[in-house]
Amino acid sequence: MTAPVRTRSSADLIRAEEPVLANNYHPLPVVVASAEGAWVEDVEGRRYLDMLAGYSALNFGHRHPALVGAAHRQLDRLTLTSRAFHNDQLAGFAERLTALTGTDMVLPMNTGAEAVESGIKVARKWAYEVKGVPADRATIVVAADNFHGRTTTIVSFSTDETARAGFGPFTPGFRIVPYNDLAALEAAIDETTAAVLIEPIQGEAGVLIPDDGYLAGVREVTRRAGCLFIADEIQSGLGRTGRTLAVEHESVVPDVVLLGKALGGGIVPVSAVAGRRDVLGVLRPGEHGSTFGGNPLAAAVGTAVVELLETGEFQRRADELGVLLRDGLSDLTGKGVVGFRARGLWAGVDVDPALGTGREVSEALMREGILVKDTHGSTIRLAPPLTITAEELEGALATLGKVLARG
C-alpha cells in the first residue's frame, strides 16, 4: 500500500471539513489516505479492514490492478469527447455489458441515481408510445422502504422521511406498496402502469431479502399486466450476491436492469440502463443525454469490470465466502446478534438494541480496525470487497463477536 502523506491528523482534517462541507453525510471519524485490496490506511498510518466496500462500489477491492491498469492506459489516450462524437471505447463496452446481462441495448450514464431517473423516463416513454397509456397518465409501482437515490423525483416515492422532509412538492405518478407483498403489488397495477420498479434485495433498508418466489411472481404479474419489470441492481448486482445479478437467484429476466456502483470499479462513476431493444429503442436523439455518460475513460474501466465478471470468479467467491459469512453470523446469534439477513457477501445484521445503536457498534468496530456502516436503528451492513480472503472475513466476524461481548 502506498504510504499516506501525513501532514495533518485525522481530528484536524475532520475539523477542517466542518465549515466548508454541507452536511449530506455523517461519516465515521476516520480519514482514509490510501487503500489496497480490502484494506485502507488513515492519515496516521492505522490500517482498517473495509467491510463496506463503498456500498458495493468497490466489489473488486481498492485499486484492483486490472482496473487501475485500464484507467492508466486510457488516461494516456483520451478521457472525454462528450457524446457529440463517437469514441473507440463505448461500443465495445456496451457489447460486453449486454452479453454479460443478457440484454439487447445499453444507455450509459454516470451515477446510480441517474440510471434510476433514466429508467423512469424510458418506462414512461414506452408506456405512451408502445402500451398506449394516455399522455401524462403513466404510473410506476414501487416498494415501501426502497432506496433508489436522492434526487427530487426519486425521494418523491421514498418512505424515508429523512430523505423526503423539506424537499417537496413531490413528483406524481408513483404508487407505493409493501415490499415482498405480491398481492398488494398486483392490486396496484392498472391500465396506466408503465412499470414496476424494485430492488431485488433492499440494501439501505437493512439487506431485506424477499421470500422465495417473490421476484418470479413480480415477473409473472408484470408480464400478464403488460407493463415493464425494472430491477434496480445498483447495489445488488455485479457479483455481490454470488450471481452476476441478484434476480438470477430466481432465474428471472427483467425488461430493464439498472446498474451502477461496481460498474465503475471504484475508480470513476459509471452507471447504465440495460434492457430490451423495443424498450430502450423508444429514445430518440435529443430526448435524453449526459455530457459524461459513456465517456471513453468510463467505458474503458467499465469494460475491464465486465472482463473480471465474465470469468465467474468473483461470483463464485461471493457465493462460497457467503457461506462463511452466514455461518459466522449464525454463531453470533443470541450473543449480541438478534437477527440477520445475508446473501453472498452482503448482510444486514440486527444488533441487540441494549448493546447500542448501529452507529455506536460501527464506531466500536472502527476502533478495532474494522469499517462497517449502520443503517436504521441497531442494524449494521456488511458488504466487504469480493477480494476479501476467508481469513480476513473470519477475523472481522471474530472482532464483531468481541465488540458485542463487551456490550
Protein backbone atom coordinates (compact mmCIF):
# COMPACT_ATOMS: atom_id res chain seq x y z
CA MET A 1 0.00 0.00 0.00
CA THR A 2 1.36 3.45 -0.86
CA ALA A 3 2.37 5.32 2.27
CA PRO A 4 -0.01 8.20 3.03
CA VAL A 5 1.22 11.77 3.25
CA ARG A 6 0.88 12.59 6.94
CA THR A 7 0.70 16.34 7.20
CA ARG A 8 -2.36 16.73 9.44
CA SER A 9 -4.10 14.47 11.95
CA SER A 10 -7.49 12.89 11.44
CA ALA A 11 -9.00 15.21 14.03
CA ASP A 12 -7.53 18.27 12.29
CA LEU A 13 -8.84 17.18 8.89
CA ILE A 14 -12.31 16.42 10.24
CA ARG A 15 -12.48 19.84 11.90
CA ALA A 16 -11.31 21.45 8.66
CA GLU A 17 -14.26 19.90 6.79
CA GLU A 18 -16.91 21.21 9.16
CA PRO A 19 -17.14 24.83 7.94
CA VAL A 20 -16.86 24.06 4.23
CA LEU A 21 -18.78 20.81 3.56
CA ALA A 22 -22.57 20.65 3.59
CA ASN A 23 -24.00 18.01 5.92
CA ASN A 24 -25.20 15.40 3.46
CA TYR A 25 -23.41 12.52 5.22
CA HIS A 26 -22.50 11.58 8.78
CA PRO A 27 -19.19 9.78 8.25
CA LEU A 28 -17.36 7.78 10.87
CA PRO A 29 -14.41 9.71 12.34
CA VAL A 30 -11.71 8.08 10.20
CA VAL A 31 -9.77 9.90 7.47
CA VAL A 32 -8.62 7.47 4.78
CA ALA A 33 -5.46 8.36 2.90
CA SER A 34 -4.59 5.21 0.96
CA ALA A 35 -6.01 1.78 0.21
CA GLU A 36 -5.29 -1.52 -1.48
CA GLY A 37 -7.43 -4.63 -1.79
CA ALA A 38 -9.68 -4.97 1.24
CA TRP A 39 -7.59 -2.64 3.42
CA VAL A 40 -7.45 1.12 3.92
CA GLU A 41 -5.00 3.25 5.87
CA ASP A 42 -5.72 6.54 7.59
CA VAL A 43 -3.55 9.66 7.71
CA GLU A 44 -1.90 8.46 10.92
CA GLY A 45 -0.97 5.08 9.47
CA ARG A 46 -3.66 2.96 11.13
CA ARG A 47 -5.00 0.13 8.97
CA TYR A 48 -8.64 -0.95 8.73
CA LEU A 49 -10.38 -3.85 7.02
CA ASP A 50 -13.02 -2.34 4.74
CA MET A 51 -16.24 -4.30 5.32
CA LEU A 52 -18.42 -1.78 3.46
CA ALA A 53 -16.70 -1.53 0.05
CA GLY A 54 -18.26 1.80 -0.85
CA TYR A 55 -21.80 0.40 -0.61
CA SER A 56 -20.76 -2.19 -3.26
CA ALA A 57 -18.96 0.34 -5.47
CA LEU A 58 -15.71 -1.43 -4.53
CA ASN A 59 -16.75 -5.00 -5.25
CA PHE A 60 -13.26 -5.71 -6.63
CA GLY A 61 -11.46 -4.02 -3.77
CA HIS A 62 -9.44 -0.85 -3.72
CA ARG A 63 -7.19 -0.21 -6.71
CA HIS A 64 -7.62 -3.58 -8.39
CA PRO A 65 -4.62 -3.81 -10.73
CA ALA A 66 -6.67 -4.75 -13.81
CA LEU A 67 -8.95 -1.76 -13.30
CA VAL A 68 -6.21 0.71 -12.41
CA GLY A 69 -4.26 -0.50 -15.43
CA ALA A 70 -7.22 0.05 -17.74
CA ALA A 71 -7.68 3.56 -16.35
CA HIS A 72 -4.00 4.44 -16.75
CA ARG A 73 -3.92 3.23 -20.34
CA GLN A 74 -6.99 5.25 -21.21
CA LEU A 75 -5.78 8.35 -19.36
CA ASP A 76 -2.80 8.37 -21.69
CA ARG A 77 -5.05 8.34 -24.76
CA LEU A 78 -8.44 10.02 -24.37
CA THR A 79 -10.73 10.86 -21.45
CA LEU A 80 -13.73 12.76 -22.83
CA THR A 81 -15.34 13.69 -26.11
CA SER A 82 -18.92 14.17 -24.91
CA ARG A 83 -21.49 12.23 -26.90
CA ALA A 84 -21.27 14.87 -29.63
CA PHE A 85 -18.76 12.46 -31.21
CA HIS A 86 -18.14 8.73 -31.17
CA ASN A 87 -15.26 7.26 -29.21
CA ASP A 88 -13.42 3.99 -29.71
CA GLN A 89 -14.29 2.52 -26.28
CA LEU A 90 -18.05 2.84 -25.98
CA ALA A 91 -19.36 0.25 -28.44
CA GLY A 92 -17.11 -2.47 -27.03
CA PHE A 93 -18.23 -1.67 -23.50
CA ALA A 94 -21.90 -1.80 -24.49
CA GLU A 95 -21.47 -5.08 -26.37
CA ARG A 96 -19.71 -6.76 -23.45
CA LEU A 97 -22.21 -5.43 -20.90
CA THR A 98 -25.26 -6.56 -22.87
CA ALA A 99 -23.72 -10.03 -23.25
CA LEU A 100 -22.99 -10.22 -19.51
CA THR A 101 -26.50 -9.17 -18.50
CA GLY A 102 -28.46 -10.91 -21.24
CA THR A 103 -29.88 -7.65 -22.58
CA ASP A 104 -30.04 -6.04 -26.03
CA MET A 105 -29.14 -2.42 -25.54
CA VAL A 106 -27.40 -0.09 -23.06
CA LEU A 107 -27.91 3.55 -22.11
CA PRO A 108 -24.69 4.70 -20.37
CA MET A 109 -24.91 7.22 -17.55
CA ASN A 110 -22.76 8.17 -14.55
CA THR A 111 -24.38 7.69 -11.15
CA GLY A 112 -26.92 5.23 -9.84
CA ALA A 113 -29.50 7.95 -9.33
CA GLU A 114 -29.08 8.97 -12.98
CA ALA A 115 -29.68 5.38 -14.03
CA VAL A 116 -32.90 5.31 -11.99
CA GLU A 117 -34.08 8.64 -13.40
CA SER A 118 -33.28 7.40 -16.91
CA GLY A 119 -35.16 4.17 -16.29
CA ILE A 120 -38.21 6.14 -15.19
CA LYS A 121 -38.09 8.31 -18.31
CA VAL A 122 -37.71 5.30 -20.58
CA ALA A 123 -40.61 3.48 -18.89
CA ARG A 124 -42.92 6.47 -19.28
CA LYS A 125 -41.94 6.98 -22.93
CA TRP A 126 -42.53 3.28 -23.59
CA ALA A 127 -45.92 3.44 -21.88
CA TYR A 128 -47.08 6.28 -24.12
CA GLU A 129 -45.61 5.07 -27.41
CA VAL A 130 -45.96 1.29 -27.10
CA LYS A 131 -48.54 0.48 -24.45
CA GLY A 132 -50.84 3.36 -25.37
CA VAL A 133 -51.24 4.98 -21.95
CA PRO A 134 -52.84 8.43 -22.33
CA ALA A 135 -50.41 11.35 -22.18
CA ASP A 136 -49.14 12.26 -18.70
CA ARG A 137 -51.10 9.42 -17.06
CA ALA A 138 -48.35 6.81 -16.69
CA THR A 139 -47.79 5.37 -13.23
CA ILE A 140 -44.94 3.36 -11.76
CA VAL A 141 -45.37 0.94 -8.84
CA VAL A 142 -42.58 0.93 -6.26
CA ALA A 143 -41.96 -0.72 -2.89
CA ALA A 144 -42.02 0.86 0.55
CA ASP A 145 -38.65 1.23 2.30
CA ASN A 146 -36.96 1.50 -1.08
CA PHE A 147 -33.72 3.29 -1.74
CA HIS A 148 -33.14 4.31 -5.35
CA GLY A 149 -31.28 7.60 -4.77
CA ARG A 150 -31.94 11.11 -3.52
CA THR A 151 -32.95 13.24 -6.48
CA THR A 152 -36.21 15.17 -6.23
CA THR A 153 -38.13 12.66 -8.33
CA ILE A 154 -36.70 9.67 -6.50
CA VAL A 155 -37.42 10.97 -3.00
CA SER A 156 -40.96 11.58 -4.22
CA PHE A 157 -41.55 7.84 -3.87
CA SER A 158 -39.37 7.23 -0.83
CA THR A 159 -40.97 6.33 2.52
CA ASP A 160 -37.93 7.59 4.44
CA GLU A 161 -38.88 10.94 5.93
CA THR A 162 -35.22 11.86 6.42
CA ALA A 163 -34.84 11.78 2.64
CA ARG A 164 -38.21 13.45 1.94
CA ALA A 165 -38.93 16.07 4.59
CA GLY A 166 -38.42 19.60 3.36
CA PHE A 167 -37.94 18.74 -0.31
CA GLY A 168 -41.48 18.94 -1.72
CA PRO A 169 -43.52 19.46 -3.79
CA PHE A 170 -43.08 15.92 -4.99
CA THR A 171 -43.30 14.35 -8.43
CA PRO A 172 -46.59 12.49 -9.01
CA GLY A 173 -47.07 9.22 -10.83
CA PHE A 174 -45.88 6.64 -8.29
CA ARG A 175 -47.78 4.06 -6.27
CA ILE A 176 -46.12 2.65 -3.18
CA VAL A 177 -46.90 -0.89 -1.98
CA PRO A 178 -45.34 -3.01 0.77
CA TYR A 179 -42.17 -4.84 -0.24
CA ASN A 180 -42.44 -8.61 -0.56
CA ASP A 181 -46.24 -8.43 -0.89
CA LEU A 182 -47.16 -9.76 -4.31
CA ALA A 183 -50.92 -9.37 -3.81
CA ALA A 184 -50.56 -5.68 -2.94
CA LEU A 185 -48.32 -5.12 -5.94
CA GLU A 186 -50.76 -6.79 -8.31
CA ALA A 187 -53.66 -4.77 -6.88
CA ALA A 188 -51.79 -1.52 -7.56
CA ILE A 189 -51.31 -2.24 -11.26
CA ASP A 190 -53.86 -0.98 -13.77
CA GLU A 191 -54.01 0.13 -17.38
CA THR A 192 -51.88 3.22 -16.62
CA THR A 193 -48.99 1.25 -15.15
CA ALA A 194 -45.79 1.68 -17.12
CA ALA A 195 -43.52 -0.35 -14.85
CA VAL A 196 -42.82 -1.94 -11.51
CA LEU A 197 -39.51 -0.68 -10.11
CA ILE A 198 -37.99 -2.65 -7.24
CA GLU A 199 -34.69 -3.65 -5.69
CA PRO A 200 -34.30 -7.44 -5.76
CA ILE A 201 -32.79 -7.00 -2.29
CA GLN A 202 -33.40 -3.80 -0.35
CA GLY A 203 -29.95 -2.67 0.76
CA GLU A 204 -30.49 0.60 2.61
CA ALA A 205 -33.46 -0.90 4.45
CA GLY A 206 -31.13 -3.44 6.04
CA VAL A 207 -30.44 -6.02 3.29
CA LEU A 208 -34.05 -7.20 3.17
CA ILE A 209 -34.35 -10.38 1.12
CA PRO A 210 -37.81 -11.21 -0.24
CA ASP A 211 -39.46 -14.61 0.10
CA ASP A 212 -38.57 -17.28 -2.43
CA GLY A 213 -40.81 -16.84 -5.45
CA TYR A 214 -41.45 -13.11 -4.96
CA LEU A 215 -39.24 -11.95 -7.83
CA ALA A 216 -40.59 -14.65 -10.12
CA GLY A 217 -44.07 -13.53 -9.09
CA VAL A 218 -43.27 -9.91 -9.95
CA ARG A 219 -42.06 -11.07 -13.36
CA GLU A 220 -45.26 -13.03 -13.98
CA VAL A 221 -47.57 -10.26 -12.73
CA THR A 222 -45.90 -7.62 -14.91
CA ARG A 223 -45.95 -9.93 -17.93
CA ARG A 224 -49.67 -10.56 -17.54
CA ALA A 225 -50.41 -6.88 -16.99
CA GLY A 226 -48.35 -5.75 -19.98
CA CYS A 227 -46.04 -3.49 -18.00
CA LEU A 228 -42.28 -3.44 -17.50
CA PHE A 229 -40.29 -5.01 -14.68
CA ILE A 230 -37.34 -2.75 -13.81
CA ALA A 231 -34.81 -4.29 -11.42
CA ASP A 232 -32.59 -1.84 -9.56
CA GLU A 233 -29.37 -3.87 -9.28
CA ILE A 234 -27.16 -0.88 -8.47
CA GLN A 235 -26.14 -2.32 -5.09
CA SER A 236 -27.14 -5.97 -5.51
CA GLY A 237 -25.67 -6.56 -8.95
CA LEU A 238 -22.28 -7.39 -10.45
CA GLY A 239 -21.30 -10.28 -8.23
CA ARG A 240 -22.34 -9.07 -4.79
CA THR A 241 -24.86 -11.84 -4.07
CA GLY A 242 -22.99 -14.71 -5.70
CA ARG A 243 -24.57 -14.16 -9.10
CA THR A 244 -23.95 -11.52 -11.75
CA LEU A 245 -27.43 -10.14 -10.97
CA ALA A 246 -29.48 -10.85 -7.84
CA VAL A 247 -32.55 -11.70 -9.95
CA GLU A 248 -30.66 -14.74 -11.22
CA HIS A 249 -31.30 -16.46 -7.90
CA GLU A 250 -34.85 -16.95 -9.20
CA SER A 251 -33.92 -17.25 -12.89
CA VAL A 252 -35.79 -14.01 -13.56
CA VAL A 253 -35.13 -11.83 -16.61
CA PRO A 254 -36.41 -8.26 -16.11
CA ASP A 255 -37.23 -5.97 -19.02
CA VAL A 256 -34.79 -3.35 -17.73
CA VAL A 257 -31.83 -3.61 -15.35
CA LEU A 258 -30.30 -0.60 -13.61
CA LEU A 259 -26.58 -0.85 -12.89
CA GLY A 260 -24.03 1.39 -11.19
CA LYS A 261 -21.58 1.46 -8.28
CA ALA A 262 -19.34 -1.57 -9.01
CA LEU A 263 -19.58 -0.89 -12.75
CA GLY A 264 -17.03 1.91 -12.25
CA GLY A 265 -14.62 -0.33 -10.36
CA GLY A 266 -14.23 2.22 -7.57
CA ILE A 267 -12.35 4.47 -9.99
CA VAL A 268 -14.90 6.54 -11.90
CA PRO A 269 -18.69 6.84 -11.65
CA VAL A 270 -20.30 4.57 -14.25
CA SER A 271 -23.94 3.53 -14.46
CA ALA A 272 -26.15 2.05 -17.12
CA VAL A 273 -29.70 1.22 -18.06
CA ALA A 274 -29.66 -2.15 -19.82
CA GLY A 275 -32.73 -3.69 -21.37
CA ARG A 276 -34.75 -4.90 -24.30
CA ARG A 277 -34.29 -3.20 -27.64
CA ASP A 278 -38.01 -2.45 -28.00
CA VAL A 279 -37.94 -0.62 -24.65
CA LEU A 280 -34.74 1.42 -24.85
CA GLY A 281 -35.39 1.89 -28.54
CA VAL A 282 -38.13 4.42 -27.79
CA LEU A 283 -35.48 7.07 -27.11
CA ARG A 284 -34.57 9.36 -29.99
CA PRO A 285 -31.64 11.78 -30.29
CA GLY A 286 -32.09 14.82 -28.07
CA GLU A 287 -34.70 13.27 -25.75
CA HIS A 288 -32.15 12.24 -23.13
CA GLY A 289 -28.44 12.68 -22.65
CA SER A 290 -25.39 13.15 -20.47
CA THR A 291 -22.17 15.03 -21.16
CA PHE A 292 -20.10 12.44 -19.31
CA GLY A 293 -22.23 9.32 -19.79
CA GLY A 294 -20.33 6.84 -21.93
CA ASN A 295 -17.09 8.81 -21.86
CA PRO A 296 -14.04 6.81 -23.03
CA LEU A 297 -12.41 6.64 -19.59
CA ALA A 298 -15.60 5.32 -18.02
CA ALA A 299 -16.13 2.88 -20.89
CA ALA A 300 -12.57 1.54 -20.62
CA VAL A 301 -12.90 0.96 -16.87
CA GLY A 302 -16.40 -0.48 -17.30
CA THR A 303 -15.11 -2.90 -19.91
CA ALA A 304 -12.39 -4.05 -17.53
CA VAL A 305 -15.05 -4.61 -14.84
CA VAL A 306 -17.10 -6.72 -17.24
CA GLU A 307 -13.99 -8.73 -18.13
CA LEU A 308 -13.46 -9.58 -14.45
CA LEU A 309 -17.06 -10.76 -14.16
CA GLU A 310 -17.02 -12.76 -17.39
CA THR A 311 -14.80 -15.40 -15.77
CA GLY A 312 -17.33 -16.04 -12.98
CA GLU A 313 -14.53 -15.95 -10.40
CA PHE A 314 -15.97 -13.15 -8.33
CA GLN A 315 -19.49 -14.55 -8.38
CA ARG A 316 -18.09 -17.86 -7.09
CA ARG A 317 -16.07 -16.12 -4.39
CA ALA A 318 -19.11 -14.25 -3.16
CA ASP A 319 -21.14 -17.44 -3.13
CA GLU A 320 -18.51 -19.52 -1.32
CA LEU A 321 -17.44 -16.87 1.19
CA GLY A 322 -21.10 -16.06 1.73
CA VAL A 323 -21.46 -19.44 3.42
CA LEU A 324 -18.67 -18.46 5.82
CA LEU A 325 -20.38 -15.13 6.48
CA ARG A 326 -23.74 -16.75 7.22
CA ASP A 327 -22.18 -19.40 9.46
CA GLY A 328 -20.28 -16.76 11.40
CA LEU A 329 -23.38 -14.64 11.92
CA SER A 330 -25.35 -17.73 12.95
CA ASP A 331 -22.73 -18.39 15.62
CA LEU A 332 -23.18 -14.83 16.92
CA THR A 333 -26.97 -15.05 17.01
CA GLY A 334 -28.02 -14.91 20.63
CA LYS A 335 -24.63 -13.43 21.53
CA GLY A 336 -25.45 -9.84 20.68
CA VAL A 337 -26.90 -10.51 17.23
CA VAL A 338 -30.68 -10.80 17.33
CA GLY A 339 -31.15 -11.49 13.63
CA PHE A 340 -29.53 -11.16 10.24
CA ARG A 341 -30.21 -11.48 6.52
CA ALA A 342 -27.43 -12.47 4.15
CA ARG A 343 -26.95 -13.37 0.51
CA GLY A 344 -23.50 -13.79 -0.95
CA LEU A 345 -21.11 -11.30 0.63
CA TRP A 346 -23.87 -8.97 1.78
CA ALA A 347 -25.58 -8.95 5.16
CA GLY A 348 -27.80 -6.82 7.33
CA VAL A 349 -27.08 -7.56 10.98
CA ASP A 350 -29.54 -6.62 13.73
CA VAL A 351 -27.71 -5.98 16.98
CA ASP A 352 -29.40 -6.19 20.36
CA PRO A 353 -30.50 -2.57 20.97
CA ALA A 354 -29.42 -2.94 24.60
CA LEU A 355 -25.83 -3.07 23.33
CA GLY A 356 -26.08 0.17 21.38
CA THR A 357 -27.23 1.73 18.16
CA GLY A 358 -25.86 0.71 14.80
CA ARG A 359 -23.76 3.87 14.83
CA GLU A 360 -22.27 3.01 18.23
CA VAL A 361 -21.44 -0.53 17.12
CA SER A 362 -19.86 0.83 13.92
CA GLU A 363 -17.70 3.22 15.96
CA ALA A 364 -16.64 0.40 18.30
CA LEU A 365 -15.66 -1.76 15.32
CA MET A 366 -13.76 1.16 13.81
CA ARG A 367 -11.66 1.39 16.98
CA GLU A 368 -10.84 -2.29 16.47
CA GLY A 369 -9.79 -1.78 12.85
CA ILE A 370 -13.00 -2.86 11.09
CA LEU A 371 -15.05 -0.45 8.96
CA VAL A 372 -18.80 -1.04 8.59
CA LYS A 373 -21.77 1.31 8.37
CA ASP A 374 -25.00 1.48 10.25
CA THR A 375 -28.41 1.81 8.72
CA HIS A 376 -31.69 2.12 10.60
CA GLY A 377 -31.80 1.60 14.37
CA SER A 378 -29.37 -1.04 15.60
CA THR A 379 -28.69 -2.59 12.19
CA ILE A 380 -25.28 -2.62 10.54
CA ARG A 381 -24.45 -3.61 6.99
CA LEU A 382 -21.60 -5.87 5.93
CA ALA A 383 -20.52 -5.75 2.27
CA PRO A 384 -16.80 -6.49 2.03
CA PRO A 385 -14.91 -6.46 -1.26
CA LEU A 386 -15.30 -9.73 -3.14
CA THR A 387 -11.49 -9.97 -2.98
CA ILE A 388 -11.53 -10.47 0.80
CA THR A 389 -9.90 -13.68 2.00
CA ALA A 390 -11.52 -16.28 4.22
CA GLU A 391 -9.03 -15.42 6.96
CA GLU A 392 -9.83 -11.71 6.76
CA LEU A 393 -13.56 -12.41 6.86
CA GLU A 394 -13.20 -14.74 9.84
CA GLY A 395 -11.13 -12.08 11.61
CA ALA A 396 -13.82 -9.47 11.04
CA LEU A 397 -16.51 -11.76 12.43
CA ALA A 398 -14.35 -12.57 15.46
CA THR A 399 -13.89 -8.85 16.08
CA LEU A 400 -17.64 -8.28 15.79
CA GLY A 401 -18.14 -11.00 18.39
CA LYS A 402 -15.59 -9.38 20.70
CA VAL A 403 -17.22 -5.95 20.40
CA LEU A 404 -20.68 -7.40 21.10
CA ALA A 405 -19.42 -9.41 24.07
CA ARG A 406 -18.07 -6.20 25.64
CA GLY A 407 -21.55 -4.68 25.38
